[in-house]
Amino acid sequence: MPFVADLSFHIVDLPCYCVATARGFGPSPEMDAWTTLLEWAERNGLDAVSGGHRFFGFNDPSPSAQDEPYGYQQWMTIPPNVEVDPHEDVTLFKFGGGRYITTRCEGLATITDRWHDLYAYAEEAHLGHGEGPGLEELLTLGAQSPDEYVFDLYLPIPAEP
């Protein structure tokens, strides 16, 4: 399947981040992971809507078939010098960063198609596949409807030698 020519693709290097992560599992685990993470942030005095954090998510594990339950992991970047009390449903770790090919996705209804476009572009450009999950960065935390969601999608590719 060829990529959509009018989409914009960029190669970026994500830096290392300290992140808090929450997981959900079920028929639509994204909201469970989000709710757990945002409640944890509030309990720990972290203002999630301040613009001082980045939010990345990914399927973990990916759905294996239509209507099968799957998992989703949601990350929130946190400053390395902030001390927080981990909650049993939230863990802290250091994301090592890496090289990614990225494109923008506007509206949740188009996210699967944009992922297909991103994979097709990476294949046609012979970029190869890097390690780690593909990431979905939500840029519109305060959006009221899935049609208003804007994501940057990140597909890992190998670092240049």
C-alpha atoms as a PDB file:
ATOM      1  CA  MET A   1       0.000   0.000   0.000  1.00  0.00           C
ATOM      2  CA  PRO A   2       1.647   3.295  -1.036  1.00  0.00           C
ATOM      3  CA  PHE A   3       1.756   6.164   1.426  1.00  0.00           C
ATOM      4  CA  VAL A   4      -0.477   9.237   1.083  1.00  0.00           C
ATOM      5  CA  ALA A   5       1.604  11.832  -0.745  1.00  0.00           C
ATOM      6  CA  ASP A   6       0.007  14.906   0.871  1.00  0.00           C
ATOM      7  CA  LEU A   7       1.005  13.903   4.403  1.00  0.00           C
ATOM      8  CA  SER A   8       4.120  15.374   5.964  1.00  0.00           C
ATOM      9  CA  PHE A   9       6.736  13.012   7.405  1.00  0.00           C
ATOM     10  CA  HIS A  10       9.741  14.031   9.503  1.00  0.00           C
ATOM     11  CA  ILE A  11      12.654  12.287  11.165  1.00  0.00           C
ATOM     12  CA  VAL A  12      13.095  13.348  14.789  1.00  0.00           C
ATOM     13  CA  ASP A  13      15.239  12.331  17.732  1.00  0.00           C
ATOM     14  CA  LEU A  14      13.241  12.087  20.948  1.00  0.00           C
ATOM     15  CA  PRO A  15      15.343  12.802  24.030  1.00  0.00           C
ATOM     16  CA  CYS A  16      15.462  10.720  27.190  1.00  0.00           C
ATOM     17  CA  TYR A  17      12.602  11.408  29.595  1.00  0.00           C
ATOM     18  CA  CYS A  18      11.584  10.403  33.076  1.00  0.00           C
ATOM     19  CA  VAL A  19       8.024   9.133  32.683  1.00  0.00           C
ATOM     20  CA  ALA A  20       5.152   7.939  34.786  1.00  0.00           C
ATOM     21  CA  THR A  21       3.210   5.147  33.118  1.00  0.00           C
ATOM     22  CA  ALA A  22      -0.217   3.614  33.641  1.00  0.00           C
ATOM     23  CA  ARG A  23      -1.800   0.653  31.867  1.00  0.00           C
ATOM     24  CA  GLY A  24      -5.312  -0.290  30.920  1.00  0.00           C
ATOM     25  CA  PHE A  25      -6.636  -3.550  29.524  1.00  0.00           C
ATOM     26  CA  GLY A  26      -9.999  -4.387  27.949  1.00  0.00           C
ATOM     27  CA  PRO A  27     -12.132  -3.550  24.923  1.00  0.00           C
ATOM     28  CA  SER A  28     -10.999   0.126  25.003  1.00  0.00           C
ATOM     29  CA  PRO A  29      -8.188   0.479  27.568  1.00  0.00           C
ATOM     30  CA  GLU A  30      -7.030   3.968  26.598  1.00  0.00           C
ATOM     31  CA  MET A  31      -9.452   5.764  28.946  1.00  0.00           C
ATOM     32  CA  ASP A  32      -8.573   3.464  31.850  1.00  0.00           C
ATOM     33  CA  ALA A  33      -4.870   4.247  31.420  1.00  0.00           C
ATOM     34  CA  TRP A  34      -5.549   7.986  31.057  1.00  0.00           C
ATOM     35  CA  THR A  35      -7.804   8.123  34.121  1.00  0.00           C
ATOM     36  CA  THR A  36      -5.312   6.244  36.292  1.00  0.00           C
ATOM     37  CA  LEU A  37      -2.417   8.469  35.184  1.00  0.00           C
ATOM     38  CA  LEU A  38      -4.253  11.795  35.544  1.00  0.00           C
ATOM     39  CA  GLU A  39      -5.618  10.903  38.983  1.00  0.00           C
ATOM     40  CA  TRP A  40      -2.105   9.884  40.057  1.00  0.00           C
ATOM     41  CA  ALA A  41      -0.684  13.174  38.739  1.00  0.00           C
ATOM     42  CA  GLU A  42      -3.262  15.173  40.678  1.00  0.00           C
ATOM     43  CA  ARG A  43      -2.547  13.248  43.912  1.00  0.00           C
ATOM     44  CA  ASN A  44       1.162  14.030  43.436  1.00  0.00           C
ATOM     45  CA  GLY A  45       0.686  17.729  42.738  1.00  0.00           C
ATOM     46  CA  LEU A  46       1.598  17.535  39.046  1.00  0.00           C
ATOM     47  CA  ASP A  47      -0.478  19.866  36.872  1.00  0.00           C
ATOM     48  CA  ALA A  48      -1.156  17.731  33.800  1.00  0.00           C
ATOM     49  CA  VAL A  49      -2.770  20.560  31.819  1.00  0.00           C
ATOM     50  CA  SER A  50       0.012  23.096  32.415  1.00  0.00           C
ATOM     51  CA  GLY A  51       1.743  22.282  29.133  1.00  0.00           C
ATOM     52  CA  GLY A  52       4.866  21.255  31.029  1.00  0.00           C
ATOM     53  CA  HIS A  53       4.418  17.554  30.293  1.00  0.00           C
ATOM     54  CA  ARG A  54       4.285  15.406  27.179  1.00  0.00           C
ATOM     55  CA  PHE A  55       1.874  12.490  26.841  1.00  0.00           C
ATOM     56  CA  PHE A  56       2.766   9.381  24.843  1.00  0.00           C
ATOM     57  CA  GLY A  57       0.745   6.199  24.560  1.00  0.00           C
ATOM     58  CA  PHE A  58       0.824   2.876  22.727  1.00  0.00           C
ATOM     59  CA  ASN A  59      -0.913  -0.488  22.536  1.00  0.00           C
ATOM     60  CA  ASP A  60       0.531  -2.994  25.016  1.00  0.00           C
ATOM     61  CA  PRO A  61      -0.263  -5.638  23.904  1.00  0.00           C
ATOM     62  CA  SER A  62      -1.755  -4.767  20.520  1.00  0.00           C
ATOM     63  CA  PRO A  63      -5.165  -6.127  19.589  1.00  0.00           C
ATOM     64  CA  SER A  64      -4.883  -9.564  18.024  1.00  0.00           C
ATOM     65  CA  ALA A  65      -8.307  -9.575  16.338  1.00  0.00           C
ATOM     66  CA  GLN A  66     -11.336  -7.339  15.837  1.00  0.00           C
ATOM     67  CA  ASP A  67     -13.208  -6.760  19.129  1.00  0.00           C
ATOM     68  CA  GLU A  68     -10.552  -8.606  21.176  1.00  0.00           C
ATOM     69  CA  PRO A  69      -9.444  -6.974  24.440  1.00  0.00           C
ATOM     70  CA  TYR A  70      -6.009  -5.368  24.307  1.00  0.00           C
ATOM     71  CA  GLY A  71      -3.762  -3.247  26.478  1.00  0.00           C
ATOM     72  CA  TYR A  72      -2.719   0.384  26.343  1.00  0.00           C
ATOM     73  CA  GLN A  73       0.126   2.115  28.145  1.00  0.00           C
ATOM     74  CA  GLN A  74      -0.019   5.873  28.753  1.00  0.00           C
ATOM     75  CA  TRP A  75       3.070   7.918  29.643  1.00  0.00           C
ATOM     76  CA  MET A  76       3.415  11.367  31.157  1.00  0.00           C
ATOM     77  CA  THR A  77       6.826  13.016  31.201  1.00  0.00           C
ATOM     78  CA  ILE A  78       7.896  14.278  34.604  1.00  0.00           C
ATOM     79  CA  PRO A  79      10.899  16.367  35.621  1.00  0.00           C
ATOM     80  CA  PRO A  80      13.810  14.189  36.815  1.00  0.00           C
ATOM     81  CA  ASN A  81      14.188  16.199  40.032  1.00  0.00           C
ATOM     82  CA  VAL A  82      10.540  15.855  41.098  1.00  0.00           C
ATOM     83  CA  GLU A  83       9.938  13.353  43.858  1.00  0.00           C
ATOM     84  CA  VAL A  84       6.608  11.579  43.622  1.00  0.00           C
ATOM     85  CA  ASP A  85       5.039   8.680  45.417  1.00  0.00           C
ATOM     86  CA  PRO A  86       4.383   5.880  42.957  1.00  0.00           C
ATOM     87  CA  HIS A  87       0.906   4.408  43.152  1.00  0.00           C
ATOM     88  CA  GLU A  88       0.332   0.690  42.709  1.00  0.00           C
ATOM     89  CA  ASP A  89      -1.130   1.351  39.245  1.00  0.00           C
ATOM     90  CA  VAL A  90       1.559   3.837  38.141  1.00  0.00           C
ATOM     91  CA  THR A  91       5.243   3.120  37.673  1.00  0.00           C
ATOM     92  CA  LEU A  92       8.170   5.458  37.027  1.00  0.00           C
ATOM     93  CA  PHE A  93      10.998   4.780  34.612  1.00  0.00           C
ATOM     94  CA  LYS A  94      13.473   6.425  32.266  1.00  0.00           C
ATOM     95  CA  PHE A  95      12.601   6.367  28.560  1.00  0.00           C
ATOM     96  CA  GLY A  96      15.870   6.171  26.607  1.00  0.00           C
ATOM     97  CA  GLY A  97      14.746   8.275  23.640  1.00  0.00           C
ATOM     98  CA  GLY A  98      15.546   7.378  20.057  1.00  0.00           C
ATOM     99  CA  ARG A  99      15.099   8.145  16.388  1.00  0.00           C
ATOM    100  CA  TYR A 100      11.604   8.179  14.886  1.00  0.00           C
ATOM    101  CA  ILE A 101       9.747   8.967  11.691  1.00  0.00           C
ATOM    102  CA  THR A 102       6.683  11.025  12.570  1.00  0.00           C
ATOM    103  CA  THR A 103       3.498  12.379  11.057  1.00  0.00           C
ATOM    104  CA  ARG A 104       0.458  14.268  12.359  1.00  0.00           C
ATOM    105  CA  CYS A 105      -2.968  12.703  12.866  1.00  0.00           C
ATOM    106  CA  GLU A 106      -6.039  14.919  13.232  1.00  0.00           C
ATOM    107  CA  GLY A 107      -9.102  13.203  14.668  1.00  0.00           C
ATOM    108  CA  LEU A 108      -9.198   9.812  16.348  1.00  0.00           C
ATOM    109  CA  ALA A 109     -11.181   8.298  13.463  1.00  0.00           C
ATOM    110  CA  THR A 110      -8.116   8.617  11.185  1.00  0.00           C
ATOM    111  CA  ILE A 111      -5.468   7.189  13.534  1.00  0.00           C
ATOM    112  CA  THR A 112      -5.411   3.666  12.037  1.00  0.00           C
ATOM    113  CA  ASP A 113      -5.098   5.058   8.505  1.00  0.00           C
ATOM    114  CA  ARG A 114      -2.279   7.431   9.558  1.00  0.00           C
ATOM    115  CA  TRP A 115      -0.395   4.510  11.156  1.00  0.00           C
ATOM    116  CA  HIS A 116      -0.721   2.577   7.871  1.00  0.00           C
ATOM    117  CA  ASP A 117       0.549   5.650   5.986  1.00  0.00           C
ATOM    118  CA  LEU A 118       3.500   6.012   8.352  1.00  0.00           C
ATOM    119  CA  TYR A 119       4.500   2.340   7.989  1.00  0.00           C
ATOM    120  CA  ALA A 120       4.120   2.538   4.192  1.00  0.00           C
ATOM    121  CA  TYR A 121       6.265   5.686   3.999  1.00  0.00           C
ATOM    122  CA  ALA A 122       8.989   4.145   6.178  1.00  0.00           C
ATOM    123  CA  GLU A 123       9.010   1.040   3.975  1.00  0.00           C
ATOM    124  CA  GLU A 124       9.124   2.977   0.690  1.00  0.00           C
ATOM    125  CA  ALA A 125      11.889   5.219   2.074  1.00  0.00           C
ATOM    126  CA  HIS A 126      13.862   2.111   3.217  1.00  0.00           C
ATOM    127  CA  LEU A 127      14.168   3.486   6.749  1.00  0.00           C
ATOM    128  CA  GLY A 128      14.037   0.121   8.506  1.00  0.00           C
ATOM    129  CA  HIS A 129      12.459  -0.553  11.878  1.00  0.00           C
ATOM    130  CA  GLY A 130      13.913   0.507  15.188  1.00  0.00           C
ATOM    131  CA  GLU A 131      13.365  -0.955  18.621  1.00  0.00           C
ATOM    132  CA  GLY A 132      10.485  -0.109  20.911  1.00  0.00           C
ATOM    133  CA  PRO A 133       6.839   0.700  20.396  1.00  0.00           C
ATOM    134  CA  GLY A 134       5.279   3.174  18.022  1.00  0.00           C
ATOM    135  CA  LEU A 135       4.183   6.157  20.118  1.00  0.00           C
ATOM    136  CA  GLU A 136       1.090   8.337  19.939  1.00  0.00           C
ATOM    137  CA  GLU A 137       1.656  11.799  21.442  1.00  0.00           C
ATOM    138  CA  LEU A 138      -1.595  13.552  22.293  1.00  0.00           C
ATOM    139  CA  LEU A 139      -1.168  17.270  21.604  1.00  0.00           C
ATOM    140  CA  THR A 140      -4.718  18.351  22.529  1.00  0.00           C
ATOM    141  CA  LEU A 141      -5.155  17.258  26.138  1.00  0.00           C
ATOM    142  CA  GLY A 142      -8.207  19.485  26.670  1.00  0.00           C
ATOM    143  CA  ALA A 143     -10.088  18.369  23.541  1.00  0.00           C
ATOM    144  CA  GLN A 144     -13.765  17.679  24.207  1.00  0.00           C
ATOM    145  CA  SER A 145     -14.389  15.217  21.404  1.00  0.00           C
ATOM    146  CA  PRO A 146     -12.340  12.506  19.624  1.00  0.00           C
ATOM    147  CA  ASP A 147     -12.739  14.528  16.402  1.00  0.00           C
ATOM    148  CA  GLU A 148     -10.694  17.309  18.051  1.00  0.00           C
ATOM    149  CA  TYR A 149      -7.801  15.064  19.117  1.00  0.00           C
ATOM    150  CA  VAL A 150      -4.498  15.813  17.429  1.00  0.00           C
ATOM    151  CA  PHE A 151      -1.649  13.314  17.701  1.00  0.00           C
ATOM    152  CA  ASP A 152       1.897  13.114  16.478  1.00  0.00           C
ATOM    153  CA  LEU A 153       2.605   9.469  15.623  1.00  0.00           C
ATOM    154  CA  TYR A 154       6.160   8.183  16.099  1.00  0.00           C
ATOM    155  CA  LEU A 155       7.476   5.022  14.429  1.00  0.00           C
ATOM    156  CA  PRO A 156      10.931   3.955  15.712  1.00  0.00           C
ATOM    157  CA  ILE A 157      13.664   3.689  13.094  1.00  0.00           C
ATOM    158  CA  PRO A 158      17.344   2.776  13.455  1.00  0.00           C
ATOM    159  CA  ALA A 159      19.725   5.569  14.394  1.00  0.00           C
ATOM    160  CA  GLU A 160      22.117   6.546  11.625  1.00  0.00           C
ATOM    161  CA  PRO A 161      25.501   4.812  11.923  1.00  0.00           C
END
